[in-house]
C-alpha atoms as a PDB file:
ATOM      1  CA  MET A   1      15.511 -54.788  29.963  1.00  0.00           C
ATOM      2  CA  ARG A   2      13.378 -57.826  29.620  1.00  0.00           C
ATOM      3  CA  ALA A   3      13.253 -58.507  33.096  1.00  0.00           C
ATOM      4  CA  SER A   4      12.459 -55.149  34.042  1.00  0.00           C
ATOM      5  CA  ARG A   5       9.558 -55.450  31.002  1.00  0.00           C
ATOM      6  CA  LEU A   6       7.696 -58.738  32.710  1.00  0.00           C
ATOM      7  CA  ILE A   7       7.645 -57.207  35.977  1.00  0.00           C
ATOM      8  CA  SER A   8       6.268 -54.247  34.266  1.00  0.00           C
ATOM      9  CA  LEU A   9       3.583 -56.485  32.445  1.00  0.00           C
ATOM     10  CA  LEU A  10       2.589 -58.222  35.562  1.00  0.00           C
ATOM     11  CA  LEU A  11       2.256 -54.799  37.102  1.00  0.00           C
ATOM     12  CA  LEU A  12       0.460 -53.420  34.847  1.00  0.00           C
ATOM     13  CA  LEU A  13      -2.211 -56.592  35.042  1.00  0.00           C
ATOM     14  CA  GLN A  14      -2.267 -56.297  38.496  1.00  0.00           C
ATOM     15  CA  ALA A  15      -3.372 -52.922  38.629  1.00  0.00           C
ATOM     16  CA  ARG A  16      -5.641 -52.980  35.674  1.00  0.00           C
ATOM     17  CA  GLY A  17      -7.442 -56.912  35.868  1.00  0.00           C
ATOM     18  CA  ALA A  18      -7.084 -57.461  32.154  1.00  0.00           C
ATOM     19  CA  MET A  19      -5.469 -56.428  29.066  1.00  0.00           C
ATOM     20  CA  THR A  20      -5.528 -57.379  25.299  1.00  0.00           C
ATOM     21  CA  ALA A  21      -2.053 -57.789  23.830  1.00  0.00           C
ATOM     22  CA  GLY A  22      -2.597 -54.764  22.138  1.00  0.00           C
ATOM     23  CA  GLU A  23      -3.094 -52.859  25.316  1.00  0.00           C
ATOM     24  CA  LEU A  24       0.257 -54.084  26.635  1.00  0.00           C
ATOM     25  CA  ALA A  25       1.919 -53.998  23.758  1.00  0.00           C
ATOM     26  CA  ARG A  26       1.056 -50.192  23.942  1.00  0.00           C
ATOM     27  CA  GLU A  27       1.840 -49.912  27.460  1.00  0.00           C
ATOM     28  CA  LEU A  28       5.429 -51.383  27.060  1.00  0.00           C
ATOM     29  CA  GLU A  29       6.131 -49.579  23.736  1.00  0.00           C
ATOM     30  CA  VAL A  30       6.753 -53.447  22.027  1.00  0.00           C
ATOM     31  CA  SER A  31       5.073 -55.598  19.381  1.00  0.00           C
ATOM     32  CA  GLU A  32       2.279 -57.755  20.037  1.00  0.00           C
ATOM     33  CA  ARG A  33       4.460 -60.781  19.495  1.00  0.00           C
ATOM     34  CA  THR A  34       6.624 -59.493  22.531  1.00  0.00           C
ATOM     35  CA  VAL A  35       3.944 -59.904  24.388  1.00  0.00           C
ATOM     36  CA  TYR A  36       3.143 -63.246  23.769  1.00  0.00           C
ATOM     37  CA  ARG A  37       6.798 -64.111  24.228  1.00  0.00           C
ATOM     38  CA  ASP A  38       6.371 -62.498  27.461  1.00  0.00           C
ATOM     39  CA  VAL A  39       3.486 -63.818  28.968  1.00  0.00           C
ATOM     40  CA  LEU A  40       4.862 -67.158  27.803  1.00  0.00           C
ATOM     41  CA  ALA A  41       8.203 -66.444  29.910  1.00  0.00           C
ATOM     42  CA  LEU A  42       5.927 -65.249  33.409  1.00  0.00           C
ATOM     43  CA  SER A  43       3.881 -68.336  32.946  1.00  0.00           C
ATOM     44  CA  ALA A  44       7.090 -70.479  32.480  1.00  0.00           C
ATOM     45  CA  ALA A  45       8.183 -68.772  35.698  1.00  0.00           C
ATOM     46  CA  GLY A  46       5.007 -69.956  37.637  1.00  0.00           C
ATOM     47  CA  VAL A  47       2.770 -66.864  37.529  1.00  0.00           C
ATOM     48  CA  PRO A  48      -0.698 -67.570  36.873  1.00  0.00           C
ATOM     49  CA  VAL A  49      -1.377 -65.829  33.709  1.00  0.00           C
ATOM     50  CA  TYR A  50      -3.980 -66.786  31.497  1.00  0.00           C
ATOM     51  CA  ALA A  51      -6.258 -65.870  28.882  1.00  0.00           C
ATOM     52  CA  ASP A  52      -9.547 -65.052  27.835  1.00  0.00           C
ATOM     53  CA  ARG A  53     -10.354 -65.999  23.827  1.00  0.00           C
ATOM     54  CA  GLY A  54     -13.172 -63.683  22.030  1.00  0.00           C
ATOM     55  CA  ARG A  55     -13.799 -60.056  21.110  1.00  0.00           C
ATOM     56  CA  ALA A  56     -13.696 -59.032  24.803  1.00  0.00           C
ATOM     57  CA  GLY A  57     -10.573 -61.397  26.180  1.00  0.00           C
ATOM     58  CA  GLY A  58      -7.623 -60.686  27.521  1.00  0.00           C
ATOM     59  CA  TYR A  59      -4.787 -61.541  29.678  1.00  0.00           C
ATOM     60  CA  ARG A  60      -5.669 -61.546  33.224  1.00  0.00           C
ATOM     61  CA  LEU A  61      -4.423 -63.267  36.666  1.00  0.00           C
ATOM     62  CA  LEU A  62      -5.569 -65.591  38.695  1.00  0.00           C
ATOM     63  CA  GLY A  63      -7.606 -64.010  41.592  1.00  0.00           C
ATOM     64  CA  GLY A  64      -5.935 -63.442  44.729  1.00  0.00           C
ATOM     65  CA  TYR A  65      -1.841 -63.312  42.811  1.00  0.00           C
ATOM     66  CA  ARG A  66      -1.026 -60.174  44.156  1.00  0.00           C
ATOM     67  CA  THR A  67       1.193 -58.324  46.906  1.00  0.00           C
ATOM     68  CA  ARG A  68      -0.786 -55.672  48.957  1.00  0.00           C
ATOM     69  CA  LEU A  69      -0.011 -52.834  50.708  1.00  0.00           C
ATOM     70  CA  THR A  70      -1.902 -53.516  54.292  1.00  0.00           C
ATOM     71  CA  GLY A  71      -2.707 -51.076  56.874  1.00  0.00           C
ATOM     72  CA  LEU A  72      -3.166 -48.240  54.469  1.00  0.00           C
ATOM     73  CA  THR A  73      -6.288 -45.675  55.536  1.00  0.00           C
ATOM     74  CA  ARG A  74      -7.856 -44.099  52.480  1.00  0.00           C
ATOM     75  CA  ASP A  75      -6.244 -40.681  53.775  1.00  0.00           C
ATOM     76  CA  GLU A  76      -3.063 -42.101  53.742  1.00  0.00           C
ATOM     77  CA  ALA A  77      -3.498 -43.764  49.919  1.00  0.00           C
ATOM     78  CA  GLU A  78      -4.386 -40.724  47.961  1.00  0.00           C
ATOM     79  CA  ALA A  79      -1.905 -38.480  50.028  1.00  0.00           C
ATOM     80  CA  LEU A  80       0.892 -40.761  48.856  1.00  0.00           C
ATOM     81  CA  PHE A  81      -0.133 -39.915  45.028  1.00  0.00           C
ATOM     82  CA  LEU A  82      -0.714 -36.141  46.658  1.00  0.00           C
ATOM     83  CA  ALA A  83       3.290 -36.014  47.499  1.00  0.00           C
ATOM     84  CA  GLY A  84       4.209 -37.164  43.512  1.00  0.00           C
ATOM     85  CA  LEU A  85       6.064 -34.470  41.469  1.00  0.00           C
ATOM     86  CA  PRO A  86       6.062 -35.475  37.809  1.00  0.00           C
ATOM     87  CA  GLY A  87       6.725 -32.621  36.208  1.00  0.00           C
ATOM     88  CA  PRO A  88       9.805 -31.425  38.304  1.00  0.00           C
ATOM     89  CA  ALA A  89      10.758 -35.383  38.543  1.00  0.00           C
ATOM     90  CA  GLY A  90      10.401 -35.381  34.586  1.00  0.00           C
ATOM     91  CA  ASP A  91      12.735 -32.503  34.005  1.00  0.00           C
ATOM     92  CA  MET A  92      15.414 -34.548  35.865  1.00  0.00           C
ATOM     93  CA  GLY A  93      14.622 -37.321  33.570  1.00  0.00           C
ATOM     94  CA  LEU A  94      13.024 -39.388  36.582  1.00  0.00           C
ATOM     95  CA  ALA A  95       9.652 -39.552  34.737  1.00  0.00           C
ATOM     96  CA  ASP A  96       9.428 -42.800  34.081  1.00  0.00           C
ATOM     97  CA  GLU A  97      11.085 -44.032  37.440  1.00  0.00           C
ATOM     98  CA  VAL A  98       8.451 -42.107  39.022  1.00  0.00           C
ATOM     99  CA  ALA A  99       5.799 -43.849  36.664  1.00  0.00           C
ATOM    100  CA  ALA A 100       6.829 -47.276  37.304  1.00  0.00           C
ATOM    101  CA  ALA A 101       7.072 -46.667  41.356  1.00  0.00           C
ATOM    102  CA  GLU A 102       3.570 -45.429  41.457  1.00  0.00           C
ATOM    103  CA  LEU A 103       2.118 -48.544  39.099  1.00  0.00           C
ATOM    104  CA  LYS A 104       3.890 -50.896  41.266  1.00  0.00           C
ATOM    105  CA  VAL A 105       1.849 -49.059  44.990  1.00  0.00           C
ATOM    106  CA  LEU A 106      -0.739 -48.914  42.581  1.00  0.00           C
ATOM    107  CA  ALA A 107      -0.535 -52.842  41.689  1.00  0.00           C
ATOM    108  CA  ALA A 108      -0.126 -53.507  45.859  1.00  0.00           C
ATOM    109  CA  LEU A 109      -3.185 -51.370  46.768  1.00  0.00           C
ATOM    110  CA  PRO A 110      -6.156 -53.341  47.967  1.00  0.00           C
ATOM    111  CA  PRO A 111      -8.991 -52.823  44.999  1.00  0.00           C
ATOM    112  CA  ALA A 112     -11.175 -50.418  47.493  1.00  0.00           C
ATOM    113  CA  LEU A 113      -7.928 -48.217  47.779  1.00  0.00           C
ATOM    114  CA  ARG A 114      -7.509 -48.354  43.944  1.00  0.00           C
ATOM    115  CA  ASP A 115      -9.507 -44.898  42.974  1.00  0.00           C
ATOM    116  CA  ALA A 116      -6.478 -43.308  45.177  1.00  0.00           C
ATOM    117  CA  PRO A 117      -4.639 -41.913  42.368  1.00  0.00           C
ATOM    118  CA  ALA A 118      -7.243 -40.810  40.191  1.00  0.00           C
ATOM    119  CA  ARG A 119      -9.236 -38.784  43.223  1.00  0.00           C
ATOM    120  CA  THR A 120      -6.022 -37.068  44.232  1.00  0.00           C
ATOM    121  CA  GLY A 121      -5.489 -36.232  40.366  1.00  0.00           C
ATOM    122  CA  GLN A 122      -9.104 -34.666  39.785  1.00  0.00           C
ATOM    123  CA  ARG A 123      -8.411 -32.584  43.276  1.00  0.00           C
ATOM    124  CA  PHE A 124      -4.804 -31.497  42.831  1.00  0.00           C
ATOM    125  CA  HIS A 125      -2.966 -30.128  40.673  1.00  0.00           C
ATOM    126  CA  LEU A 126       1.123 -28.836  41.046  1.00  0.00           C
ATOM    127  CA  ASP A 127       1.585 -25.906  38.648  1.00  0.00           C
ATOM    128  CA  VAL A 128       5.321 -25.230  39.654  1.00  0.00           C
ATOM    129  CA  PRO A 129       6.656 -22.798  37.073  1.00  0.00           C
ATOM    130  CA  GLY A 130       6.033 -18.324  37.788  1.00  0.00           C
ATOM    131  CA  TRP A 131       3.605 -17.007  35.333  1.00  0.00           C
ATOM    132  CA  PHE A 132       4.996 -15.946  32.287  1.00  0.00           C
ATOM    133  CA  ARG A 133       8.082 -18.045  32.278  1.00  0.00           C
ATOM    134  CA  GLU A 134       9.590 -20.840  30.111  1.00  0.00           C
ATOM    135  CA  THR A 135       8.700 -24.115  31.529  1.00  0.00           C
ATOM    136  CA  ALA A 136      11.429 -26.001  29.436  1.00  0.00           C
ATOM    137  CA  PRO A 137      13.904 -27.972  31.900  1.00  0.00           C
ATOM    138  CA  PRO A 138      17.412 -26.640  31.611  1.00  0.00           C
ATOM    139  CA  PRO A 139      19.698 -28.311  29.407  1.00  0.00           C
ATOM    140  CA  CYS A 140      22.373 -29.501  31.829  1.00  0.00           C
ATOM    141  CA  LEU A 141      19.556 -30.594  34.555  1.00  0.00           C
ATOM    142  CA  SER A 142      19.221 -34.472  33.980  1.00  0.00           C
ATOM    143  CA  GLU A 143      23.122 -34.697  34.097  1.00  0.00           C
ATOM    144  CA  LEU A 144      23.257 -32.816  36.985  1.00  0.00           C
ATOM    145  CA  ALA A 145      20.273 -34.671  38.648  1.00  0.00           C
ATOM    146  CA  ARG A 146      22.031 -38.032  37.785  1.00  0.00           C
ATOM    147  CA  ALA A 147      25.289 -36.691  39.459  1.00  0.00           C
ATOM    148  CA  VAL A 148      23.723 -36.068  42.778  1.00  0.00           C
ATOM    149  CA  TRP A 149      22.072 -39.326  42.579  1.00  0.00           C
ATOM    150  CA  ARG A 150      25.327 -40.833  42.649  1.00  0.00           C
ATOM    151  CA  ASP A 151      27.304 -38.563  44.398  1.00  0.00           C
ATOM    152  CA  ARG A 152      29.826 -37.809  41.464  1.00  0.00           C
ATOM    153  CA  VAL A 153      32.106 -35.149  41.691  1.00  0.00           C
ATOM    154  CA  VAL A 154      31.031 -32.581  37.986  1.00  0.00           C
ATOM    155  CA  ASP A 155      33.388 -30.280  36.206  1.00  0.00           C
ATOM    156  CA  LEU A 156      30.484 -27.061  36.006  1.00  0.00           C
ATOM    157  CA  ARG A 157      31.030 -24.685  33.406  1.00  0.00           C
ATOM    158  CA  TYR A 158      29.336 -21.660  34.308  1.00  0.00           C
ATOM    159  CA  ARG A 159      27.578 -18.031  32.692  1.00  0.00           C
ATOM    160  CA  ARG A 160      28.492 -15.463  35.186  1.00  0.00           C
ATOM    161  CA  GLY A 161      27.705 -12.036  33.918  1.00  0.00           C
ATOM    162  CA  ASP A 162      29.257 -11.917  30.375  1.00  0.00           C
ATOM    163  CA  ARG A 163      32.073 -14.187  30.714  1.00  0.00           C
ATOM    164  CA  GLU A 164      32.328 -18.344  31.967  1.00  0.00           C
ATOM    165  CA  VAL A 165      33.761 -19.867  34.460  1.00  0.00           C
ATOM    166  CA  THR A 166      34.105 -23.495  35.384  1.00  0.00           C
ATOM    167  CA  ARG A 167      34.527 -25.026  38.688  1.00  0.00           C
ATOM    168  CA  ARG A 168      34.695 -28.433  40.173  1.00  0.00           C
ATOM    169  CA  VAL A 169      31.737 -28.966  42.183  1.00  0.00           C
ATOM    170  CA  GLN A 170      30.446 -31.805  44.894  1.00  0.00           C
ATOM    171  CA  PRO A 171      26.717 -31.715  44.070  1.00  0.00           C
ATOM    172  CA  TYR A 172      24.515 -32.081  46.873  1.00  0.00           C
ATOM    173  CA  GLY A 173      20.939 -31.221  45.919  1.00  0.00           C
ATOM    174  CA  LEU A 174      19.247 -29.616  43.425  1.00  0.00           C
ATOM    175  CA  VAL A 175      16.129 -27.329  44.613  1.00  0.00           C
ATOM    176  CA  LEU A 176      13.465 -25.825  42.499  1.00  0.00           C
ATOM    177  CA  LYS A 177      11.941 -22.424  43.783  1.00  0.00           C
ATOM    178  CA  SER A 178       9.292 -20.454  41.407  1.00  0.00           C
ATOM    179  CA  GLY A 179      10.193 -22.606  38.419  1.00  0.00           C
ATOM    180  CA  ALA A 180      13.951 -21.957  38.614  1.00  0.00           C
ATOM    181  CA  TRP A 181      16.139 -25.280  39.398  1.00  0.00           C
ATOM    182  CA  TYR A 182      19.661 -24.851  41.685  1.00  0.00           C
ATOM    183  CA  LEU A 183      22.300 -26.544  42.061  1.00  0.00           C
ATOM    184  CA  VAL A 184      23.623 -26.865  45.823  1.00  0.00           C
ATOM    185  CA  GLY A 185      27.068 -28.209  46.174  1.00  0.00           C
ATOM    186  CA  ARG A 186      30.644 -27.939  47.347  1.00  0.00           C
ATOM    187  CA  VAL A 187      34.073 -26.294  46.201  1.00  0.00           C
ATOM    188  CA  GLY A 188      36.635 -26.890  48.412  1.00  0.00           C
ATOM    189  CA  ASP A 189      34.855 -26.283  52.134  1.00  0.00           C
ATOM    190  CA  ASP A 190      32.686 -23.611  50.331  1.00  0.00           C
ATOM    191  CA  THR A 191      28.886 -24.172  50.101  1.00  0.00           C
ATOM    192  CA  ARG A 192      27.697 -22.786  46.858  1.00  0.00           C
ATOM    193  CA  THR A 193      24.401 -22.308  44.807  1.00  0.00           C
ATOM    194  CA  TYR A 194      24.443 -22.235  41.451  1.00  0.00           C
ATOM    195  CA  ARG A 195      21.304 -21.709  38.624  1.00  0.00           C
ATOM    196  CA  VAL A 196      20.551 -24.588  36.533  1.00  0.00           C
ATOM    197  CA  ASP A 197      20.012 -22.439  33.336  1.00  0.00           C
ATOM    198  CA  ARG A 198      23.185 -20.300  33.889  1.00  0.00           C
ATOM    199  CA  VAL A 199      25.027 -24.047  33.660  1.00  0.00           C
ATOM    200  CA  THR A 200      26.583 -23.990  30.124  1.00  0.00           C
ATOM    201  CA  GLY A 201      27.967 -27.120  30.200  1.00  0.00           C
ATOM    202  CA  VAL A 202      28.809 -30.310  32.837  1.00  0.00           C
ATOM    203  CA  GLU A 203      31.284 -32.986  32.794  1.00  0.00           C
ATOM    204  CA  VAL A 204      30.387 -35.979  35.307  1.00  0.00           C
ATOM    205  CA  GLY A 205      33.779 -38.272  35.733  1.00  0.00           C
ATOM    206  CA  GLU A 206      34.265 -41.242  37.560  1.00  0.00           C
ATOM    207  CA  GLU A 207      35.537 -39.637  41.241  1.00  0.00           C
ATOM    208  CA  SER A 208      33.139 -39.697  43.875  1.00  0.00           C
ATOM    209  CA  PHE A 209      32.681 -38.239  47.153  1.00  0.00           C
ATOM    210  CA  ASP A 210      31.981 -38.741  50.622  1.00  0.00           C
ATOM    211  CA  ARG A 211      28.616 -36.931  51.536  1.00  0.00           C
ATOM    212  CA  ASP A 212      28.255 -35.216  54.520  1.00  0.00           C
ATOM    213  CA  GLU A 213      25.545 -37.020  56.630  1.00  0.00           C
ATOM    214  CA  GLY A 214      24.878 -34.189  58.300  1.00  0.00           C
ATOM    215  CA  PHE A 215      23.869 -32.139  56.015  1.00  0.00           C
ATOM    216  CA  ASP A 216      20.673 -30.554  55.845  1.00  0.00           C
ATOM    217  CA  LEU A 217      19.533 -29.421  52.432  1.00  0.00           C
ATOM    218  CA  ALA A 218      16.119 -27.804  53.487  1.00  0.00           C
ATOM    219  CA  GLY A 219      17.711 -26.419  56.272  1.00  0.00           C
ATOM    220  CA  HIS A 220      20.497 -25.017  54.081  1.00  0.00           C
ATOM    221  CA  TRP A 221      18.173 -23.353  51.638  1.00  0.00           C
ATOM    222  CA  ARG A 222      15.880 -22.133  53.989  1.00  0.00           C
ATOM    223  CA  GLU A 223      19.117 -19.888  55.653  1.00  0.00           C
ATOM    224  CA  GLN A 224      20.846 -19.320  52.502  1.00  0.00           C
ATOM    225  CA  ALA A 225      18.108 -18.046  50.503  1.00  0.00           C
ATOM    226  CA  GLY A 226      17.737 -14.728  51.481  1.00  0.00           C
ATOM    227  CA  SER A 227      21.445 -13.889  51.487  1.00  0.00           C
ATOM    228  CA  PHE A 228      21.489 -15.760  48.104  1.00  0.00           C
ATOM    229  CA  LEU A 229      19.686 -13.614  46.072  1.00  0.00           C
ATOM    230  CA  ARG A 230      21.460 -10.797  47.822  1.00  0.00           C
ATOM    231  CA  THR A 231      24.815 -12.198  46.822  1.00  0.00           C
ATOM    232  CA  MET A 232      23.901 -12.409  43.217  1.00  0.00           C
ATOM    233  CA  LEU A 233      23.268  -8.848  42.848  1.00  0.00           C
ATOM    234  CA  ARG A 234      26.442  -7.810  42.851  1.00  0.00           C
ATOM    235  CA  THR A 235      25.987  -4.543  40.732  1.00  0.00           C
ATOM    236  CA  GLU A 236      24.107  -1.366  41.298  1.00  0.00           C
ATOM    237  CA  VAL A 237      22.418   0.588  38.506  1.00  0.00           C
ATOM    238  CA  GLY A 238      21.115   4.669  38.718  1.00  0.00           C
ATOM    239  CA  VAL A 239      17.225   5.167  37.227  1.00  0.00           C
ATOM    240  CA  ARG A 240      14.429   7.520  36.568  1.00  0.00           C
ATOM    241  CA  LEU A 241      11.090   5.678  36.421  1.00  0.00           C
ATOM    242  CA  SER A 242       7.880   7.404  35.676  1.00  0.00           C
ATOM    243  CA  PRO A 243       5.159   6.088  38.050  1.00  0.00           C
ATOM    244  CA  ALA A 244       4.285   3.617  35.660  1.00  0.00           C
ATOM    245  CA  GLY A 245       7.344   2.204  35.645  1.00  0.00           C
ATOM    246  CA  LEU A 246       7.685   2.168  39.344  1.00  0.00           C
ATOM    247  CA  ARG A 247       4.737   0.371  39.288  1.00  0.00           C
ATOM    248  CA  ARG A 248       5.718  -1.996  36.517  1.00  0.00           C
ATOM    249  CA  LEU A 249       9.156  -2.783  38.172  1.00  0.00           C
ATOM    250  CA  ARG A 250       7.890  -5.160  40.628  1.00  0.00           C
ATOM    251  CA  HIS A 251       6.742  -7.156  38.356  1.00  0.00           C
ATOM    252  CA  LEU A 252      10.705  -7.578  36.580  1.00  0.00           C
ATOM    253  CA  VAL A 253      12.699  -7.995  39.703  1.00  0.00           C
ATOM    254  CA  ASP A 254      13.849 -11.992  40.735  1.00  0.00           C
ATOM    255  CA  ALA A 255      13.394 -10.657  44.560  1.00  0.00           C
ATOM    256  CA  PRO A 256      10.543  -9.070  46.336  1.00  0.00           C
ATOM    257  CA  PHE A 257      12.955  -7.134  49.072  1.00  0.00           C
ATOM    258  CA  VAL A 258      14.594  -5.627  45.808  1.00  0.00           C
ATOM    259  CA  TYR A 259      11.174  -3.665  45.236  1.00  0.00           C
ATOM    260  CA  ASP A 260      10.514  -2.623  48.232  1.00  0.00           C
ATOM    261  CA  GLU A 261      14.388  -1.284  49.178  1.00  0.00           C
ATOM    262  CA  VAL A 262      14.009   0.489  45.968  1.00  0.00           C
ATOM    263  CA  VAL A 263      11.005   2.166  46.952  1.00  0.00           C
ATOM    264  CA  ALA A 264      12.018   2.868  50.106  1.00  0.00           C
ATOM    265  CA  ALA A 265      15.134   4.676  48.905  1.00  0.00           C
ATOM    266  CA  ALA A 266      13.843   6.212  46.313  1.00  0.00           C
ATOM    267  CA  GLY A 267      14.160  10.117  45.825  1.00  0.00           C
ATOM    268  CA  GLU A 268      10.898  12.697  45.796  1.00  0.00           C
ATOM    269  CA  PRO A 269       8.640  12.253  42.887  1.00  0.00           C
ATOM    270  CA  ASP A 270       9.560  15.494  40.235  1.00  0.00           C
ATOM    271  CA  GLY A 271       7.029  17.401  38.703  1.00  0.00           C
ATOM    272  CA  GLN A 272       6.254  14.813  36.139  1.00  0.00           C
ATOM    273  CA  GLY A 273       6.023  12.121  39.170  1.00  0.00           C
ATOM    274  CA  TRP A 274       9.410  10.552  38.110  1.00  0.00           C
ATOM    275  CA  VAL A 275      11.891   9.123  40.597  1.00  0.00           C
ATOM    276  CA  VAL A 276      15.246   8.666  41.139  1.00  0.00           C
ATOM    277  CA  ALA A 277      16.549   4.981  42.342  1.00  0.00           C
ATOM    278  CA  ARG A 278      19.274   2.923  42.640  1.00  0.00           C
ATOM    279  CA  LEU A 279      18.655  -0.652  42.318  1.00  0.00           C
ATOM    280  CA  PRO A 280      20.622  -3.695  42.493  1.00  0.00           C
ATOM    281  CA  VAL A 281      21.072  -6.014  39.956  1.00  0.00           C
ATOM    282  CA  GLU A 282      22.921  -9.175  39.039  1.00  0.00           C
ATOM    283  CA  SER A 283      24.812  -7.810  36.387  1.00  0.00           C
ATOM    284  CA  VAL A 284      24.980  -4.844  33.583  1.00  0.00           C
ATOM    285  CA  GLU A 285      23.469  -7.441  31.037  1.00  0.00           C
ATOM    286  CA  VAL A 286      20.727  -9.231  33.285  1.00  0.00           C
ATOM    287  CA  ALA A 287      19.851  -4.963  34.453  1.00  0.00           C
ATOM    288  CA  TYR A 288      19.367  -4.536  30.106  1.00  0.00           C
ATOM    289  CA  HIS A 289      16.862  -7.463  29.874  1.00  0.00           C
ATOM    290  CA  GLN A 290      14.996  -6.298  32.792  1.00  0.00           C
ATOM    291  CA  LEU A 291      15.087  -2.749  32.537  1.00  0.00           C
ATOM    292  CA  LEU A 292      14.243  -3.067  28.358  1.00  0.00           C
ATOM    293  CA  GLY A 293      10.635  -4.345  29.166  1.00  0.00           C
ATOM    294  CA  LEU A 294       9.938  -1.122  30.837  1.00  0.00           C
ATOM    295  CA  GLY A 295      10.306   0.705  27.374  1.00  0.00           C
ATOM    296  CA  PRO A 296       9.914   4.867  27.743  1.00  0.00           C
ATOM    297  CA  GLU A 297       9.209   4.569  31.337  1.00  0.00           C
ATOM    298  CA  VAL A 298      12.699   4.009  32.581  1.00  0.00           C
ATOM    299  CA  GLU A 299      15.536   6.103  31.878  1.00  0.00           C
ATOM    300  CA  VAL A 300      18.998   4.104  32.922  1.00  0.00           C
ATOM    301  CA  LEU A 301      21.685   7.434  34.398  1.00  0.00           C
ATOM    302  CA  ASP A 302      24.480   5.006  35.542  1.00  0.00           C
ATOM    303  CA  PRO A 303      27.183   3.005  34.707  1.00  0.00           C
ATOM    304  CA  PRO A 304      28.096   4.096  31.322  1.00  0.00           C
ATOM    305  CA  ALA A 305      27.874   0.909  29.946  1.00  0.00           C
ATOM    306  CA  LEU A 306      24.341   0.338  30.593  1.00  0.00           C
ATOM    307  CA  ARG A 307      23.319   3.506  29.303  1.00  0.00           C
ATOM    308  CA  ARG A 308      25.099   3.032  26.221  1.00  0.00           C
ATOM    309  CA  LEU A 309      23.032  -0.164  25.776  1.00  0.00           C
ATOM    310  CA  PHE A 310      19.862   1.706  26.342  1.00  0.00           C
ATOM    311  CA  VAL A 311      21.181   4.540  23.381  1.00  0.00           C
ATOM    312  CA  ASP A 312      21.991   2.004  20.918  1.00  0.00           C
ATOM    313  CA  ALA A 313      18.605   0.307  21.743  1.00  0.00           C
ATOM    314  CA  ALA A 314      16.696   3.424  21.294  1.00  0.00           C
ATOM    315  CA  ASP A 315      18.601   4.238  17.553  1.00  0.00           C
ATOM    316  CA  ARG A 316      17.422   0.359  16.318  1.00  0.00           C
ATOM    317  CA  PHE A 317      14.127   0.876  17.630  1.00  0.00           C
ATOM    318  CA  GLN A 318      14.021   4.531  15.717  1.00  0.00           C
ATOM    319  CA  ALA A 319      15.606   2.684  12.615  1.00  0.00           C
ATOM    320  CA  LEU A 320      12.742   0.033  12.916  1.00  0.00           C
ATOM    321  CA  TYR A 321       9.932   2.427  13.502  1.00  0.00           C
ATOM    322  CA  ARG A 322      10.776   5.911  11.901  1.00  0.00           C
END
């Protein structure tokens, strides 16, 4: 722990030139007394750190004491910081590691390129989650990320419709798609995909697995994304939609192809413009929450279980607003 802090202190001084004991203490989340001891330890180890006296004083390194990345152009340095994804990294519990890595790179850059992260941050920002979606990371994401890094087998509890299943999974990788995290893993000889926000529990044991080095996560995701979405849509419901309901349905379904197929297969409008359509959904429960957002612009025709849920919702609405 202390060795890591000493390295961080050294890199802070390399990156910023001079810092007071108070500034270092805040950055390292320690007391000023600890900073004094750490500076003495660095000096004893031969690091040329010294203190400037006075109001504007602080600690600094003797000129030239740094390791530099040579051969980088400005465009390359700025692209290096552009490649960082602090939001997703933070979701996986890696925010400190990313910050430490950026600090090390910044400390190693020559002075002429020190403004690369600031220039990049002023010009580009990655906002991963979709509109109107919860941005908090799934509860089990950081545990799964650690298992992925360490190639550890996990026992996964997963919510599927109205029941919970357990699977022993070799976690190969995590994918962030439109604000939702997915786990790609092996179950026996099958490669499967699980939506992380539906994982209800993870047990990471000591058992490791031998990763198939020929497995290409990005390539697998490209090939399977469309078919994966279709495999999720295991149920079909019948609905009547008003013209407004048909338009708004586009914003409620998870996959664009679902809306296109619903529109293409919908029957002819009746005298009021309503159409009858078949809607593929993941489950009755998911369909209920999706279609409830259409309010009186949709009538559920089947299955009976879903229709009963809407009848019950209508009775409760009537009781509230009577």
